[in-house]
Amino acid sequence: MSKAKNKTQKTNTAPEKFLMDVTPEQKQADCFTLLKTMKNISGLKPKMWGPSIIGFGSYHYKYDSGREGDFFRIGFAPRAQNLTIYIIPGYQDFTDELSRLGKHKVGKSCLYIKRLSDVDEGVLHEIFIKGLRLMEEKYPS
């Protein structure tokens, strides 16, 4: 059984305090908007996960390999080039939403956007809601 721990652990840093150091100002404003939006949609309190990810909620996973741990249900991180939005089930079931979103790039569980003004925030809200619903189906609270 694997005893390796997830490197991204919950911390005691206040997300709002972390966001005060985000630059430039537009990225910081976008982050505060994401913080408020994810908090309102999820109904969950934001927590820092590692040094730079703000996550909402948590779930416990266990792989066939025996590796297990806890991780957030939805979250985001300000990165140098983009805002990274994490939808943990991944984006494979989001073809319709992504086609309507606007300028973005996608990884397995990561959505990369330069700024909120590049995307349709209504569609982004749909993505958050659907991602949380998929997580609840797979990992009930």
C-alpha atoms as a PDB file:
ATOM      1  CA  MET A   1       0.000   0.000   0.000  1.00  0.00           C
ATOM      2  CA  SER A   2       1.355   3.421  -0.985  1.00  0.00           C
ATOM      3  CA  LYS A   3       2.041   5.797   1.903  1.00  0.00           C
ATOM      4  CA  ALA A   4       2.984   8.812  -0.255  1.00  0.00           C
ATOM      5  CA  LYS A   5       1.116  11.932   0.773  1.00  0.00           C
ATOM      6  CA  ASN A   6      -0.382  14.429  -1.597  1.00  0.00           C
ATOM      7  CA  LYS A   7       2.039  17.363  -1.812  1.00  0.00           C
ATOM      8  CA  THR A   8      -0.847  19.834  -1.970  1.00  0.00           C
ATOM      9  CA  GLN A   9      -2.165  20.055   1.567  1.00  0.00           C
ATOM     10  CA  LYS A  10      -4.560  22.479   3.246  1.00  0.00           C
ATOM     11  CA  THR A  11      -2.806  25.347   5.039  1.00  0.00           C
ATOM     12  CA  ASN A  12      -3.842  27.980   7.577  1.00  0.00           C
ATOM     13  CA  THR A  13      -3.072  30.946   5.315  1.00  0.00           C
ATOM     14  CA  ALA A  14      -6.095  33.170   4.709  1.00  0.00           C
ATOM     15  CA  PRO A  15      -6.984  33.208   0.982  1.00  0.00           C
ATOM     16  CA  GLU A  16      -7.780  36.938   1.113  1.00  0.00           C
ATOM     17  CA  LYS A  17      -4.341  37.653   2.588  1.00  0.00           C
ATOM     18  CA  PHE A  18      -2.687  35.581  -0.158  1.00  0.00           C
ATOM     19  CA  LEU A  19      -4.644  37.442  -2.865  1.00  0.00           C
ATOM     20  CA  MET A  20      -3.482  40.845  -1.587  1.00  0.00           C
ATOM     21  CA  ASP A  21      -0.021  40.036  -3.008  1.00  0.00           C
ATOM     22  CA  VAL A  22      -1.267  39.012  -6.477  1.00  0.00           C
ATOM     23  CA  THR A  23      -0.151  41.298  -9.292  1.00  0.00           C
ATOM     24  CA  PRO A  24      -0.993  42.933 -11.616  1.00  0.00           C
ATOM     25  CA  GLU A  25      -4.099  44.666 -10.249  1.00  0.00           C
ATOM     26  CA  GLN A  26      -6.384  43.186 -12.933  1.00  0.00           C
ATOM     27  CA  LYS A  27      -5.361  39.634 -12.021  1.00  0.00           C
ATOM     28  CA  GLN A  28      -5.909  40.430  -8.344  1.00  0.00           C
ATOM     29  CA  ALA A  29      -9.395  41.826  -9.100  1.00  0.00           C
ATOM     30  CA  ASP A  30     -10.232  38.734 -11.180  1.00  0.00           C
ATOM     31  CA  CYS A  31      -9.079  36.507  -8.316  1.00  0.00           C
ATOM     32  CA  PHE A  32     -11.286  38.290  -5.806  1.00  0.00           C
ATOM     33  CA  THR A  33     -14.197  37.892  -8.246  1.00  0.00           C
ATOM     34  CA  LEU A  34     -13.469  34.155  -8.570  1.00  0.00           C
ATOM     35  CA  LEU A  35     -13.203  33.859  -4.785  1.00  0.00           C
ATOM     36  CA  LYS A  36     -16.621  35.458  -4.295  1.00  0.00           C
ATOM     37  CA  THR A  37     -18.248  33.538  -7.158  1.00  0.00           C
ATOM     38  CA  MET A  38     -16.944  30.099  -6.132  1.00  0.00           C
ATOM     39  CA  LYS A  39     -17.876  30.774  -2.517  1.00  0.00           C
ATOM     40  CA  ASN A  40     -21.429  31.778  -3.515  1.00  0.00           C
ATOM     41  CA  ILE A  41     -21.925  28.892  -5.937  1.00  0.00           C
ATOM     42  CA  SER A  42     -20.400  26.217  -3.709  1.00  0.00           C
ATOM     43  CA  GLY A  43     -21.623  27.506  -0.360  1.00  0.00           C
ATOM     44  CA  LEU A  44     -18.208  26.440   0.962  1.00  0.00           C
ATOM     45  CA  LYS A  45     -15.515  28.372   2.783  1.00  0.00           C
ATOM     46  CA  PRO A  46     -12.291  28.940   0.802  1.00  0.00           C
ATOM     47  CA  LYS A  47      -9.040  27.433   2.075  1.00  0.00           C
ATOM     48  CA  MET A  48      -5.479  27.627   0.814  1.00  0.00           C
ATOM     49  CA  TRP A  49      -4.115  24.364  -0.533  1.00  0.00           C
ATOM     50  CA  GLY A  50      -0.364  24.534  -0.748  1.00  0.00           C
ATOM     51  CA  PRO A  51       1.210  27.931  -1.257  1.00  0.00           C
ATOM     52  CA  SER A  52      -0.928  29.184  -4.150  1.00  0.00           C
ATOM     53  CA  ILE A  53      -4.221  27.302  -4.733  1.00  0.00           C
ATOM     54  CA  ILE A  54      -7.534  28.408  -3.267  1.00  0.00           C
ATOM     55  CA  GLY A  55      -9.858  25.434  -2.921  1.00  0.00           C
ATOM     56  CA  PHE A  56     -13.429  24.964  -1.795  1.00  0.00           C
ATOM     57  CA  GLY A  57     -14.654  21.912   0.069  1.00  0.00           C
ATOM     58  CA  SER A  58     -12.804  18.646   0.229  1.00  0.00           C
ATOM     59  CA  TYR A  59     -13.214  14.965  -0.503  1.00  0.00           C
ATOM     60  CA  HIS A  60     -11.298  11.826   0.324  1.00  0.00           C
ATOM     61  CA  TYR A  61      -9.982   9.716  -2.541  1.00  0.00           C
ATOM     62  CA  LYS A  62      -8.485   6.246  -2.584  1.00  0.00           C
ATOM     63  CA  TYR A  63      -6.868   4.730  -5.666  1.00  0.00           C
ATOM     64  CA  ASP A  64      -6.561   1.016  -6.483  1.00  0.00           C
ATOM     65  CA  SER A  65      -2.828   1.407  -5.791  1.00  0.00           C
ATOM     66  CA  GLY A  66      -3.669   2.141  -2.160  1.00  0.00           C
ATOM     67  CA  ARG A  67      -2.708   5.802  -2.397  1.00  0.00           C
ATOM     68  CA  GLU A  68      -5.278   7.983  -0.681  1.00  0.00           C
ATOM     69  CA  GLY A  69      -5.694  11.516   0.514  1.00  0.00           C
ATOM     70  CA  ASP A  70      -7.835  14.606   0.612  1.00  0.00           C
ATOM     71  CA  PHE A  71      -8.224  17.312  -2.007  1.00  0.00           C
ATOM     72  CA  PHE A  72     -10.490  20.250  -2.775  1.00  0.00           C
ATOM     73  CA  ARG A  73     -13.689  19.954  -4.882  1.00  0.00           C
ATOM     74  CA  ILE A  74     -13.205  23.114  -6.963  1.00  0.00           C
ATOM     75  CA  GLY A  75     -10.580  25.818  -6.909  1.00  0.00           C
ATOM     76  CA  PHE A  76      -8.336  28.280  -8.687  1.00  0.00           C
ATOM     77  CA  ALA A  77      -4.820  29.657  -8.668  1.00  0.00           C
ATOM     78  CA  PRO A  78      -3.270  32.828 -10.051  1.00  0.00           C
ATOM     79  CA  ARG A  79      -0.309  31.724 -12.140  1.00  0.00           C
ATOM     80  CA  ALA A  80       2.249  33.873 -13.964  1.00  0.00           C
ATOM     81  CA  GLN A  81       0.608  33.513 -17.373  1.00  0.00           C
ATOM     82  CA  ASN A  82      -2.989  32.574 -16.570  1.00  0.00           C
ATOM     83  CA  LEU A  83      -5.701  32.076 -14.028  1.00  0.00           C
ATOM     84  CA  THR A  84      -5.956  28.321 -13.545  1.00  0.00           C
ATOM     85  CA  ILE A  85      -9.397  26.995 -12.636  1.00  0.00           C
ATOM     86  CA  TYR A  86      -9.594  23.467 -11.287  1.00  0.00           C
ATOM     87  CA  ILE A  87     -12.639  21.297 -11.938  1.00  0.00           C
ATOM     88  CA  ILE A  88     -11.527  18.039 -10.348  1.00  0.00           C
ATOM     89  CA  PRO A  89     -13.629  15.599 -12.440  1.00  0.00           C
ATOM     90  CA  GLY A  90     -11.879  17.053 -15.492  1.00  0.00           C
ATOM     91  CA  TYR A  91     -13.267  18.829 -18.536  1.00  0.00           C
ATOM     92  CA  GLN A  92     -14.030  15.820 -20.768  1.00  0.00           C
ATOM     93  CA  ASP A  93     -17.812  16.257 -20.220  1.00  0.00           C
ATOM     94  CA  PHE A  94     -17.813  20.016 -20.798  1.00  0.00           C
ATOM     95  CA  THR A  95     -17.712  20.231 -24.615  1.00  0.00           C
ATOM     96  CA  ASP A  96     -20.849  22.377 -24.881  1.00  0.00           C
ATOM     97  CA  GLU A  97     -19.844  24.761 -22.097  1.00  0.00           C
ATOM     98  CA  LEU A  98     -16.278  25.152 -23.382  1.00  0.00           C
ATOM     99  CA  SER A  99     -17.544  25.879 -26.910  1.00  0.00           C
ATOM    100  CA  ARG A 100     -19.483  28.844 -25.491  1.00  0.00           C
ATOM    101  CA  LEU A 101     -16.948  30.033 -22.920  1.00  0.00           C
ATOM    102  CA  GLY A 102     -14.634  32.291 -24.908  1.00  0.00           C
ATOM    103  CA  LYS A 103     -10.849  32.455 -25.063  1.00  0.00           C
ATOM    104  CA  HIS A 104      -9.313  29.628 -22.986  1.00  0.00           C
ATOM    105  CA  LYS A 105      -7.052  26.587 -22.963  1.00  0.00           C
ATOM    106  CA  VAL A 106      -7.767  23.311 -21.220  1.00  0.00           C
ATOM    107  CA  GLY A 107      -5.801  20.558 -19.504  1.00  0.00           C
ATOM    108  CA  LYS A 108      -7.196  17.431 -17.863  1.00  0.00           C
ATOM    109  CA  SER A 109      -8.583  19.177 -14.764  1.00  0.00           C
ATOM    110  CA  CYS A 110      -7.328  22.696 -15.489  1.00  0.00           C
ATOM    111  CA  LEU A 111      -8.946  25.555 -17.346  1.00  0.00           C
ATOM    112  CA  TYR A 112      -6.545  28.345 -18.271  1.00  0.00           C
ATOM    113  CA  ILE A 113      -7.815  31.854 -18.920  1.00  0.00           C
ATOM    114  CA  LYS A 114      -5.844  35.075 -19.198  1.00  0.00           C
ATOM    115  CA  ARG A 115      -8.528  37.285 -17.639  1.00  0.00           C
ATOM    116  CA  LEU A 116     -12.218  37.044 -16.782  1.00  0.00           C
ATOM    117  CA  SER A 117     -13.085  39.600 -19.455  1.00  0.00           C
ATOM    118  CA  ASP A 118     -11.978  37.008 -22.067  1.00  0.00           C
ATOM    119  CA  VAL A 119     -14.774  34.598 -21.120  1.00  0.00           C
ATOM    120  CA  ASP A 120     -18.533  34.522 -20.622  1.00  0.00           C
ATOM    121  CA  GLU A 121     -18.890  34.541 -16.827  1.00  0.00           C
ATOM    122  CA  GLY A 122     -22.378  33.012 -17.080  1.00  0.00           C
ATOM    123  CA  VAL A 123     -20.905  29.980 -18.835  1.00  0.00           C
ATOM    124  CA  LEU A 124     -18.094  29.878 -16.277  1.00  0.00           C
ATOM    125  CA  HIS A 125     -20.757  29.701 -13.549  1.00  0.00           C
ATOM    126  CA  GLU A 126     -22.394  26.782 -15.403  1.00  0.00           C
ATOM    127  CA  ILE A 127     -19.016  25.010 -15.413  1.00  0.00           C
ATOM    128  CA  PHE A 128     -18.587  25.537 -11.662  1.00  0.00           C
ATOM    129  CA  ILE A 129     -22.076  24.225 -10.912  1.00  0.00           C
ATOM    130  CA  LYS A 130     -21.676  21.179 -13.159  1.00  0.00           C
ATOM    131  CA  GLY A 131     -18.203  20.396 -11.777  1.00  0.00           C
ATOM    132  CA  LEU A 132     -19.517  20.497  -8.215  1.00  0.00           C
ATOM    133  CA  ARG A 133     -22.493  18.307  -9.178  1.00  0.00           C
ATOM    134  CA  LEU A 134     -20.194  15.719 -10.782  1.00  0.00           C
ATOM    135  CA  MET A 135     -18.000  15.704  -7.670  1.00  0.00           C
ATOM    136  CA  GLU A 136     -21.052  15.222  -5.443  1.00  0.00           C
ATOM    137  CA  GLU A 137     -22.175  12.265  -7.567  1.00  0.00           C
ATOM    138  CA  LYS A 138     -18.763  10.598  -7.337  1.00  0.00           C
ATOM    139  CA  TYR A 139     -17.810  11.699  -3.801  1.00  0.00           C
ATOM    140  CA  PRO A 140     -20.953  12.521  -1.792  1.00  0.00           C
ATOM    141  CA  SER A 141     -20.414  15.017   1.030  1.00  0.00           C
END
